[in-house]
């Protein structure tokens, strides 16, 4: 966490092109090397990891991954003994660390222990699970909800369970990996449409819908890589017109969008009952962990009894269920947190643009990307920001296309204006060094 080697100007164009070529090309197995099918290092993913480590050594840029936080990671954090402004956590509303949530979780530990100790379907059910699910259903304005132990697994098991090889899944090109894994598991026909382009989605549905049994449209309420939001009403109309289910992933929307943090439906004045499947996570604004599906009684009851990721998985730990329910209550009681988060995000986005940075199409709710271009530049700027006491994650190829590498800033209601101003100035200085 020293911020890298002595500061230097960026690479020459020729050096940069050669470096990017190495970064974006998987390391081949050396010719003549004796390998075994049992050797994990020969797998493509293992070679990619080795290539990244090698490039880190070549460039002197320290790895941006697996930084160990020595306390609560909110608007500020402590890493390797240094106090830092933090933009790499999903603690949007500052509720991870709230003593009221901690007290509720401690009471649950004293009563139920730290684990449900079994699948809820057989003997892991606790009253706190039903209480959380009722609160989630009320929050979304729908009939029922079911909470699962992992947000990623919630998407995988729900999508993989609802649709099959005779069905069609239409999804935004920027949909999250968890949804992509669920689609792959389902065996359904998959078709991507350009980001947030409801017209393109409609053209695809018109061409493909008649060939399939059921259809599912997958979008997010707030896209974590770009900070963008969809036109929810347009996708609702599209789903109704083509007799399709609409599923909205609210992982980064809950507690972030809308005047009181109820998500994209509240933000855009759409009746939440028009969406067939609401998905969300407990690990971001709700300061817990896990995922959930909210919707009709029929949908939720079916998933409770038949979804593999619920039936065959241990239940959500009781203290985490209680923590999430307590966080929901605080969001409702203290809407100033949502207001402050949105104000911080808009301020930071607008300041970044005024300073000449590309903030993409961020809607200014909680996520602001700073698009820097190539992966080397993104990694170098992030490394220089570490030296300035600012923790932010670079997002590089292949997660995003080369040329779209970025720093991804997660804002919090706890960031001060001074934090944001200092970060913009440090970003200016780091970008100048990387040029």
Protein backbone atom coordinates (compact mmCIF):
# COMPACT_ATOMS: atom_id res chain seq x y z
CA UNK A 1 0.00 0.00 0.00
CA UNK A 2 3.00 2.32 -0.45
CA UNK A 3 1.55 3.79 -3.63
CA UNK A 4 4.10 2.10 -5.92
CA UNK A 5 7.68 2.93 -6.90
CA UNK A 6 9.13 6.43 -7.28
CA UNK A 7 6.79 8.52 -9.39
CA UNK A 8 7.44 8.64 -13.11
CA UNK A 9 5.78 9.93 -16.20
CA UNK A 10 3.55 7.56 -18.15
CA UNK A 11 4.88 5.14 -20.73
CA UNK A 12 5.66 6.19 -24.26
CA UNK A 13 2.96 5.34 -26.84
CA UNK A 14 5.05 2.40 -28.06
CA UNK A 15 5.65 1.06 -24.55
CA UNK A 16 1.99 1.47 -23.68
CA UNK A 17 0.84 -0.39 -26.81
CA UNK A 18 3.21 -3.27 -26.08
CA UNK A 19 2.10 -3.43 -22.46
CA UNK A 20 -1.60 -3.42 -23.36
CA UNK A 21 -0.97 -6.19 -25.85
CA UNK A 22 0.49 -8.33 -23.09
CA UNK A 23 -2.29 -7.40 -20.65
CA UNK A 24 -5.03 -8.37 -23.07
CA UNK A 25 -3.50 -11.60 -24.38
CA UNK A 26 -3.66 -14.73 -22.20
CA UNK A 27 -0.23 -16.09 -21.39
CA UNK A 28 0.43 -19.18 -23.56
CA UNK A 29 1.94 -22.34 -22.18
CA UNK A 30 5.63 -22.29 -23.14
CA UNK A 31 6.43 -24.64 -26.02
CA UNK A 32 8.13 -27.82 -24.98
CA UNK A 33 6.79 -27.55 -21.46
CA UNK A 34 5.64 -30.84 -20.02
CA UNK A 35 2.11 -30.41 -18.68
CA UNK A 36 -0.46 -32.59 -17.01
CA UNK A 37 -4.23 -32.38 -17.31
CA UNK A 38 -4.19 -32.29 -13.50
CA UNK A 39 -2.05 -29.15 -13.39
CA UNK A 40 -4.34 -26.25 -12.45
CA UNK A 41 -1.77 -23.72 -13.65
CA UNK A 42 -2.48 -24.73 -17.24
CA UNK A 43 -6.08 -23.53 -17.04
CA UNK A 44 -6.78 -20.28 -18.95
CA UNK A 45 -8.02 -18.54 -15.78
CA UNK A 46 -4.83 -19.47 -13.88
CA UNK A 47 -2.68 -18.16 -16.74
CA UNK A 48 -4.60 -14.87 -16.70
CA UNK A 49 -3.93 -14.47 -12.96
CA UNK A 50 -0.24 -15.19 -13.51
CA UNK A 51 -0.10 -12.65 -16.35
CA UNK A 52 -1.60 -9.91 -14.16
CA UNK A 53 0.93 -10.63 -11.41
CA UNK A 54 3.77 -10.54 -13.92
CA UNK A 55 2.60 -7.21 -15.31
CA UNK A 56 2.37 -5.81 -11.79
CA UNK A 57 6.03 -6.71 -11.31
CA UNK A 58 7.00 -5.19 -14.67
CA UNK A 59 5.23 -1.88 -14.11
CA UNK A 60 5.74 -1.46 -10.38
CA UNK A 61 1.99 -0.93 -9.92
CA UNK A 62 0.83 -2.68 -6.77
CA UNK A 63 -2.12 -5.04 -7.04
CA UNK A 64 -5.44 -3.25 -6.41
CA UNK A 65 -7.09 -6.47 -5.23
CA UNK A 66 -7.65 -8.03 -1.81
CA UNK A 67 -6.81 -4.93 0.21
CA UNK A 68 -7.48 -5.83 3.83
CA UNK A 69 -9.65 -3.30 5.68
CA UNK A 70 -8.83 -3.11 9.37
CA UNK A 71 -12.25 -1.95 10.50
CA UNK A 72 -15.64 -0.91 9.13
CA UNK A 73 -15.35 0.07 5.48
CA UNK A 74 -17.54 3.13 5.15
CA UNK A 75 -16.76 6.54 3.69
CA UNK A 76 -13.39 6.16 5.41
CA UNK A 77 -11.41 3.05 6.13
CA UNK A 78 -8.05 1.85 7.41
CA UNK A 79 -5.82 -0.25 5.15
CA UNK A 80 -2.27 -1.32 6.06
CA UNK A 81 -2.32 1.09 8.97
CA UNK A 82 -3.34 4.11 6.86
CA UNK A 83 -6.55 6.10 7.15
CA UNK A 84 -8.08 6.50 3.68
CA UNK A 85 -11.10 8.00 1.98
CA UNK A 86 -12.95 4.96 0.68
CA UNK A 87 -14.94 4.64 -2.54
CA UNK A 88 -14.81 0.85 -2.92
CA UNK A 89 -17.58 -0.31 -0.58
CA UNK A 90 -21.33 -0.64 -1.06
CA UNK A 91 -22.07 0.93 2.32
CA UNK A 92 -24.23 3.52 0.56
CA UNK A 93 -26.14 4.78 3.59
CA UNK A 94 -23.52 4.29 6.28
CA UNK A 95 -25.61 1.65 8.04
CA UNK A 96 -22.81 -0.91 8.32
CA UNK A 97 -21.51 0.18 11.68
CA UNK A 98 -24.72 1.72 12.99
CA UNK A 99 -24.92 0.76 16.71
CA UNK A 100 -28.70 0.14 16.50
CA UNK A 101 -28.17 -2.53 13.86
CA UNK A 102 -25.33 -4.06 15.87
CA UNK A 103 -27.54 -4.21 18.96
CA UNK A 104 -30.31 -5.98 17.05
CA UNK A 105 -27.83 -8.49 15.62
CA UNK A 106 -26.35 -9.18 19.07
CA UNK A 107 -29.81 -9.93 20.45
CA UNK A 108 -30.42 -12.36 17.60
CA UNK A 109 -27.10 -14.10 18.27
CA UNK A 110 -28.01 -14.49 21.93
CA UNK A 111 -31.38 -16.00 21.03
CA UNK A 112 -30.68 -18.02 17.87
CA UNK A 113 -26.89 -18.32 17.56
CA UNK A 114 -24.85 -17.33 14.51
CA UNK A 115 -26.22 -19.94 12.09
CA UNK A 116 -29.56 -21.34 11.00
CA UNK A 117 -27.76 -24.72 11.04
CA UNK A 118 -29.96 -26.22 8.31
CA UNK A 119 -31.96 -25.53 5.21
CA UNK A 120 -35.02 -23.51 6.13
CA UNK A 121 -37.12 -26.06 4.23
CA UNK A 122 -36.33 -28.78 6.77
CA UNK A 123 -35.41 -27.27 10.14
CA UNK A 124 -33.62 -23.96 9.66
CA UNK A 125 -36.64 -21.66 9.79
CA UNK A 126 -36.65 -18.90 12.41
CA UNK A 127 -39.24 -16.16 13.07
CA UNK A 128 -36.73 -13.53 11.97
CA UNK A 129 -36.79 -14.87 8.41
CA UNK A 130 -40.52 -14.28 8.02
CA UNK A 131 -40.19 -10.83 9.59
CA UNK A 132 -37.46 -9.82 7.13
CA UNK A 133 -39.41 -11.14 4.16
CA UNK A 134 -42.55 -9.28 5.18
CA UNK A 135 -40.49 -6.07 5.49
CA UNK A 136 -38.95 -6.60 2.04
CA UNK A 137 -42.38 -7.17 0.48
CA UNK A 138 -43.67 -3.96 2.09
CA UNK A 139 -40.63 -2.05 0.93
CA UNK A 140 -41.25 -3.12 -2.67
CA UNK A 141 -45.03 -2.79 -2.47
CA UNK A 142 -45.69 -6.40 -3.51
CA UNK A 143 -47.30 -9.46 -1.94
CA UNK A 144 -44.40 -11.54 -0.66
CA UNK A 145 -40.65 -12.10 -0.61
CA UNK A 146 -38.16 -14.89 0.04
CA UNK A 147 -34.63 -14.30 1.35
CA UNK A 148 -31.69 -16.49 0.41
CA UNK A 149 -28.18 -16.84 1.77
CA UNK A 150 -26.32 -15.34 -1.23
CA UNK A 151 -27.18 -12.52 -3.60
CA UNK A 152 -25.26 -14.09 -6.48
CA UNK A 153 -26.87 -17.47 -5.87
CA UNK A 154 -30.32 -15.85 -5.74
CA UNK A 155 -30.05 -14.83 -9.38
CA UNK A 156 -28.46 -18.11 -10.43
CA UNK A 157 -31.05 -20.36 -8.81
CA UNK A 158 -34.11 -18.21 -9.64
CA UNK A 159 -33.33 -17.71 -13.33
CA UNK A 160 -32.05 -21.25 -13.71
CA UNK A 161 -35.25 -22.58 -12.13
CA UNK A 162 -37.90 -20.43 -13.80
CA UNK A 163 -36.94 -20.91 -17.44
CA UNK A 164 -35.67 -23.79 -19.52
CA UNK A 165 -34.51 -24.85 -22.98
CA UNK A 166 -37.88 -24.10 -24.62
CA UNK A 167 -37.84 -20.51 -23.33
CA UNK A 168 -36.32 -17.15 -24.26
CA UNK A 169 -34.30 -14.78 -22.07
CA UNK A 170 -33.80 -11.25 -23.32
CA UNK A 171 -31.24 -9.30 -21.29
CA UNK A 172 -29.44 -6.00 -21.15
CA UNK A 173 -25.91 -6.27 -22.53
CA UNK A 174 -24.54 -5.03 -19.19
CA UNK A 175 -26.44 -7.50 -17.00
CA UNK A 176 -24.55 -8.78 -13.94
CA UNK A 177 -22.53 -12.01 -13.94
CA UNK A 178 -24.97 -13.64 -11.50
CA UNK A 179 -27.79 -13.27 -14.03
CA UNK A 180 -25.52 -14.51 -16.81
CA UNK A 181 -24.71 -17.63 -14.80
CA UNK A 182 -28.41 -18.22 -14.14
CA UNK A 183 -29.12 -17.92 -17.87
CA UNK A 184 -26.37 -20.40 -18.67
CA UNK A 185 -27.78 -22.85 -16.13
CA UNK A 186 -31.30 -22.53 -17.56
CA UNK A 187 -30.36 -23.67 -21.05
CA UNK A 188 -32.79 -21.10 -22.45
CA UNK A 189 -32.20 -19.21 -25.69
CA UNK A 190 -30.39 -15.99 -24.75
CA UNK A 191 -30.37 -12.70 -26.62
CA UNK A 192 -28.72 -9.45 -25.51
CA UNK A 193 -29.92 -5.98 -26.43
CA UNK A 194 -27.84 -2.77 -26.30
CA UNK A 195 -27.69 -1.16 -22.88
CA UNK A 196 -31.00 0.41 -21.82
CA UNK A 197 -32.35 0.25 -25.37
CA UNK A 198 -36.01 -0.74 -24.99
CA UNK A 199 -36.65 -0.24 -28.72
CA UNK A 200 -33.93 -2.73 -29.63
CA UNK A 201 -35.29 -5.14 -27.02
CA UNK A 202 -38.73 -4.80 -28.60
CA UNK A 203 -37.39 -5.62 -32.05
CA UNK A 204 -35.68 -8.74 -30.70
CA UNK A 205 -38.83 -9.85 -28.90
CA UNK A 206 -40.95 -9.32 -31.98
CA UNK A 207 -38.59 -11.53 -33.97
CA UNK A 208 -38.07 -14.27 -31.37
CA UNK A 209 -41.06 -14.45 -29.03
CA UNK A 210 -43.26 -16.67 -31.19
CA UNK A 211 -40.64 -19.42 -31.31
CA UNK A 212 -40.50 -19.94 -27.55
CA UNK A 213 -42.75 -21.06 -24.74
CA UNK A 214 -42.07 -18.46 -22.06
CA UNK A 215 -40.01 -15.28 -22.18
CA UNK A 216 -38.09 -13.42 -19.48
CA UNK A 217 -36.72 -9.87 -19.77
CA UNK A 218 -33.77 -9.17 -17.45
CA UNK A 219 -32.69 -5.65 -16.52
CA UNK A 220 -31.15 -3.87 -13.53
CA UNK A 221 -32.54 -0.90 -11.65
CA UNK A 222 -29.10 0.71 -11.26
CA UNK A 223 -26.14 -0.63 -13.22
CA UNK A 224 -23.08 -1.02 -11.04
CA UNK A 225 -20.48 -0.51 -13.76
CA UNK A 226 -21.94 2.70 -15.22
CA UNK A 227 -24.35 4.17 -12.65
CA UNK A 228 -27.13 4.23 -15.27
CA UNK A 229 -30.84 3.47 -14.81
CA UNK A 230 -33.39 2.04 -17.27
CA UNK A 231 -36.71 3.48 -18.43
CA UNK A 232 -38.73 1.09 -16.30
CA UNK A 233 -42.12 1.99 -17.77
CA UNK A 234 -40.86 1.21 -21.28
CA UNK A 235 -39.74 -2.27 -20.22
CA UNK A 236 -43.00 -2.90 -18.35
CA UNK A 237 -44.95 -2.03 -21.51
CA UNK A 238 -42.67 -4.27 -23.56
CA UNK A 239 -43.19 -7.22 -21.24
CA UNK A 240 -46.98 -6.84 -21.27
CA UNK A 241 -47.08 -6.47 -25.05
CA UNK A 242 -45.17 -9.71 -25.60
CA UNK A 243 -46.59 -11.79 -22.71
CA UNK A 244 -43.19 -11.91 -20.99
CA UNK A 245 -41.99 -11.81 -17.41
CA UNK A 246 -39.99 -8.74 -16.37
CA UNK A 247 -37.26 -9.25 -13.75
CA UNK A 248 -35.47 -6.25 -12.25
CA UNK A 249 -32.23 -6.64 -10.27
CA UNK A 250 -32.29 -3.97 -7.55
CA UNK A 251 -28.95 -4.87 -5.95
CA UNK A 252 -27.63 -1.31 -6.31
CA UNK A 253 -31.05 0.39 -6.32
CA UNK A 254 -32.47 -0.44 -2.89
CA UNK A 255 -31.72 2.45 -0.56
CA UNK A 256 -30.20 4.40 -3.44
CA UNK A 257 -32.95 5.35 -5.93
CA UNK A 258 -36.18 7.18 -5.16
CA UNK A 259 -36.91 9.84 -2.51
CA UNK A 260 -37.07 7.21 0.24
CA UNK A 261 -34.78 4.57 -1.26
CA UNK A 262 -37.48 2.22 -2.51
CA UNK A 263 -35.72 1.78 -5.83
CA UNK A 264 -36.28 2.45 -9.50
CA UNK A 265 -40.09 2.09 -9.36
CA UNK A 266 -40.35 4.83 -6.75
CA UNK A 267 -37.83 7.00 -8.60
CA UNK A 268 -39.85 6.81 -11.83
CA UNK A 269 -43.39 6.62 -10.48
CA UNK A 270 -44.09 3.09 -11.75
CA UNK A 271 -46.47 0.74 -9.93
CA UNK A 272 -44.11 -1.93 -8.52
CA UNK A 273 -46.77 -4.62 -9.06
CA UNK A 274 -46.21 -4.19 -12.80
CA UNK A 275 -42.83 -5.91 -12.39
CA UNK A 276 -43.15 -9.69 -12.16
CA UNK A 277 -39.91 -10.40 -10.29
CA UNK A 278 -37.94 -8.06 -8.06
CA UNK A 279 -34.50 -9.26 -7.08
CA UNK A 280 -32.22 -7.57 -4.59
CA UNK A 281 -29.33 -8.07 -2.22
CA UNK A 282 -28.95 -7.48 1.50
CA UNK A 283 -25.21 -6.76 1.32
CA UNK A 284 -25.22 -3.16 0.14
CA UNK A 285 -27.49 -0.48 1.59
CA UNK A 286 -28.90 -3.06 4.07
CA UNK A 287 -25.52 -3.74 5.74
CA UNK A 288 -25.98 -7.53 5.80
CA UNK A 289 -25.51 -10.34 3.30
CA UNK A 290 -27.77 -12.50 1.15
CA UNK A 291 -30.33 -11.97 -1.59
CA UNK A 292 -34.07 -12.02 -2.08
CA UNK A 293 -36.88 -12.31 -4.60
CA UNK A 294 -40.04 -10.24 -4.15
CA UNK A 295 -43.28 -10.53 -6.09
CA UNK A 296 -46.53 -12.46 -6.02
CA UNK A 297 -47.49 -15.06 -3.42
CA UNK A 298 -47.51 -17.73 -6.12
CA UNK A 299 -43.98 -16.95 -7.31
CA UNK A 300 -42.50 -16.76 -3.82
CA UNK A 301 -44.28 -19.87 -2.54
CA UNK A 302 -43.01 -21.86 -5.52
CA UNK A 303 -39.42 -20.72 -4.95
CA UNK A 304 -39.61 -21.52 -1.23
CA UNK A 305 -40.61 -25.09 -2.00
CA UNK A 306 -38.67 -25.86 -5.18
CA UNK A 307 -35.74 -23.49 -5.94
CA UNK A 308 -32.54 -25.55 -5.47
CA UNK A 309 -30.54 -22.59 -4.13
CA UNK A 310 -33.09 -22.20 -1.34
CA UNK A 311 -34.26 -25.74 -0.60
CA UNK A 312 -30.78 -27.29 -0.63
CA UNK A 313 -28.90 -24.39 1.00
CA UNK A 314 -28.55 -23.44 4.63
CA UNK A 315 -30.87 -20.65 5.71
CA UNK A 316 -29.77 -17.04 6.11
CA UNK A 317 -28.01 -16.64 9.50
CA UNK A 318 -30.53 -15.14 11.96
CA UNK A 319 -28.35 -12.17 13.01
CA UNK A 320 -27.94 -11.18 9.36
CA UNK A 321 -31.69 -11.42 8.77
CA UNK A 322 -32.29 -9.19 11.79
CA UNK A 323 -29.60 -6.74 10.67
CA UNK A 324 -31.20 -6.38 7.23
CA UNK A 325 -34.67 -5.85 8.71
CA UNK A 326 -33.31 -3.23 11.11
CA UNK A 327 -31.60 -1.46 8.19
CA UNK A 328 -34.87 -1.36 6.26
CA UNK A 329 -36.51 0.27 9.25
CA UNK A 330 -33.78 2.91 9.49
CA UNK A 331 -34.02 3.72 5.77
CA UNK A 332 -37.73 4.37 6.23
CA UNK A 333 -37.23 6.39 9.43
CA UNK A 334 -34.24 8.41 8.21
CA UNK A 335 -34.77 9.33 4.55
CA UNK A 336 -32.12 12.05 4.91
CA UNK A 337 -29.55 9.31 4.32
CA UNK A 338 -30.88 8.72 0.80
CA UNK A 339 -31.06 12.46 0.12
CA UNK A 340 -27.45 12.97 1.24
CA UNK A 341 -26.19 10.01 -0.81
CA UNK A 342 -27.81 11.32 -3.97
CA UNK A 343 -26.52 14.84 -3.33
CA UNK A 344 -22.98 13.50 -2.86
CA UNK A 345 -23.15 11.44 -6.05
CA UNK A 346 -24.41 14.37 -8.11
CA UNK A 347 -21.80 16.71 -6.66
CA UNK A 348 -18.96 14.28 -7.34
CA UNK A 349 -20.16 13.49 -10.87
CA UNK A 350 -20.60 17.14 -11.76
CA UNK A 351 -17.23 18.13 -10.28
CA UNK A 352 -15.51 15.34 -12.19
CA UNK A 353 -17.07 16.46 -15.46
CA UNK A 354 -16.15 20.08 -14.77
CA UNK A 355 -12.56 18.91 -14.25
CA UNK A 356 -12.59 17.30 -17.69
CA UNK A 357 -13.18 13.68 -16.72
CA UNK A 358 -15.53 11.30 -18.49
CA UNK A 359 -18.19 10.23 -15.97
CA UNK A 360 -20.06 8.24 -18.61
CA UNK A 361 -23.83 8.32 -18.37
CA UNK A 362 -23.95 8.15 -14.57
CA UNK A 363 -27.36 9.22 -13.30
CA UNK A 364 -25.74 10.54 -10.12
CA UNK A 365 -27.44 8.33 -7.55
CA UNK A 366 -24.64 6.34 -5.94
CA UNK A 367 -22.19 5.16 -8.60
CA UNK A 368 -19.89 7.36 -10.69
CA UNK A 369 -17.43 5.82 -13.15
CA UNK A 370 -14.40 7.81 -14.26
CA UNK A 371 -13.56 6.37 -17.67
CA UNK A 372 -9.83 6.71 -18.31
CA UNK A 373 -9.38 4.62 -21.46
CA UNK A 374 -6.79 1.84 -21.36
CA UNK A 375 -6.27 -0.61 -18.52
CA UNK A 376 -2.72 0.54 -17.77
CA UNK A 377 -3.86 4.12 -17.18
CA UNK A 378 -6.70 3.00 -14.91
CA UNK A 379 -4.36 0.85 -12.81
CA UNK A 380 -1.71 3.57 -12.63
CA UNK A 381 -4.16 6.31 -11.59
CA UNK A 382 -5.70 4.03 -8.94
CA UNK A 383 -2.21 3.28 -7.62
CA UNK A 384 -1.36 6.98 -7.41
CA UNK A 385 -4.63 7.66 -5.57
CA UNK A 386 -3.64 5.05 -2.99
CA UNK A 387 -0.52 7.13 -2.42
CA UNK A 388 -2.79 10.14 -1.85
CA UNK A 389 -4.87 8.28 0.72
CA UNK A 390 -7.84 7.42 -1.51
CA UNK A 391 -9.08 3.87 -2.06
CA UNK A 392 -10.93 3.26 -5.35
CA UNK A 393 -11.02 0.19 -7.55
CA UNK A 394 -9.85 0.14 -11.19
CA UNK A 395 -12.07 -1.84 -13.56
CA UNK A 396 -10.06 -3.12 -16.50
CA UNK A 397 -10.23 -5.46 -19.49
CA UNK A 398 -11.78 -8.05 -19.76
CA UNK A 399 -14.45 -6.87 -17.27
CA UNK A 400 -14.97 -3.86 -19.54
CA UNK A 401 -13.79 -3.47 -23.16
CA UNK A 402 -10.27 -2.09 -23.62
CA UNK A 403 -10.68 1.63 -24.11
CA UNK A 404 -13.40 1.73 -21.44
CA UNK A 405 -11.22 0.99 -18.41
CA UNK A 406 -12.29 3.09 -15.46
CA UNK A 407 -12.23 3.85 -11.79
CA UNK A 408 -15.54 3.02 -10.15
CA UNK A 409 -16.54 5.34 -7.32
CA UNK A 410 -19.20 4.14 -4.87
CA UNK A 411 -20.48 7.16 -2.98
CA UNK A 412 -21.83 7.16 0.55
CA UNK A 413 -24.12 9.41 2.53
CA UNK A 414 -21.19 9.69 4.96
CA UNK A 415 -18.75 11.31 2.53
CA UNK A 416 -18.21 14.97 3.35
CA UNK A 417 -17.89 17.73 0.77
CA UNK A 418 -14.25 18.00 1.82
CA UNK A 419 -13.76 14.30 1.00
CA UNK A 420 -15.17 14.84 -2.48
CA UNK A 421 -13.18 18.02 -3.15
CA UNK A 422 -9.93 16.41 -2.01
CA UNK A 423 -10.59 13.37 -4.19
CA UNK A 424 -11.19 15.45 -7.33
CA UNK A 425 -7.92 17.31 -6.80
CA UNK A 426 -6.03 14.06 -6.22
CA UNK A 427 -7.65 12.59 -9.33
CA UNK A 428 -6.46 15.58 -11.38
CA UNK A 429 -2.90 15.14 -10.13
CA UNK A 430 -2.86 11.39 -10.70
CA UNK A 431 -4.24 11.72 -14.22
CA UNK A 432 -1.58 14.30 -15.07
CA UNK A 433 1.14 11.91 -13.92
CA UNK A 434 -0.33 9.07 -15.99
CA UNK A 435 -0.60 11.14 -19.18
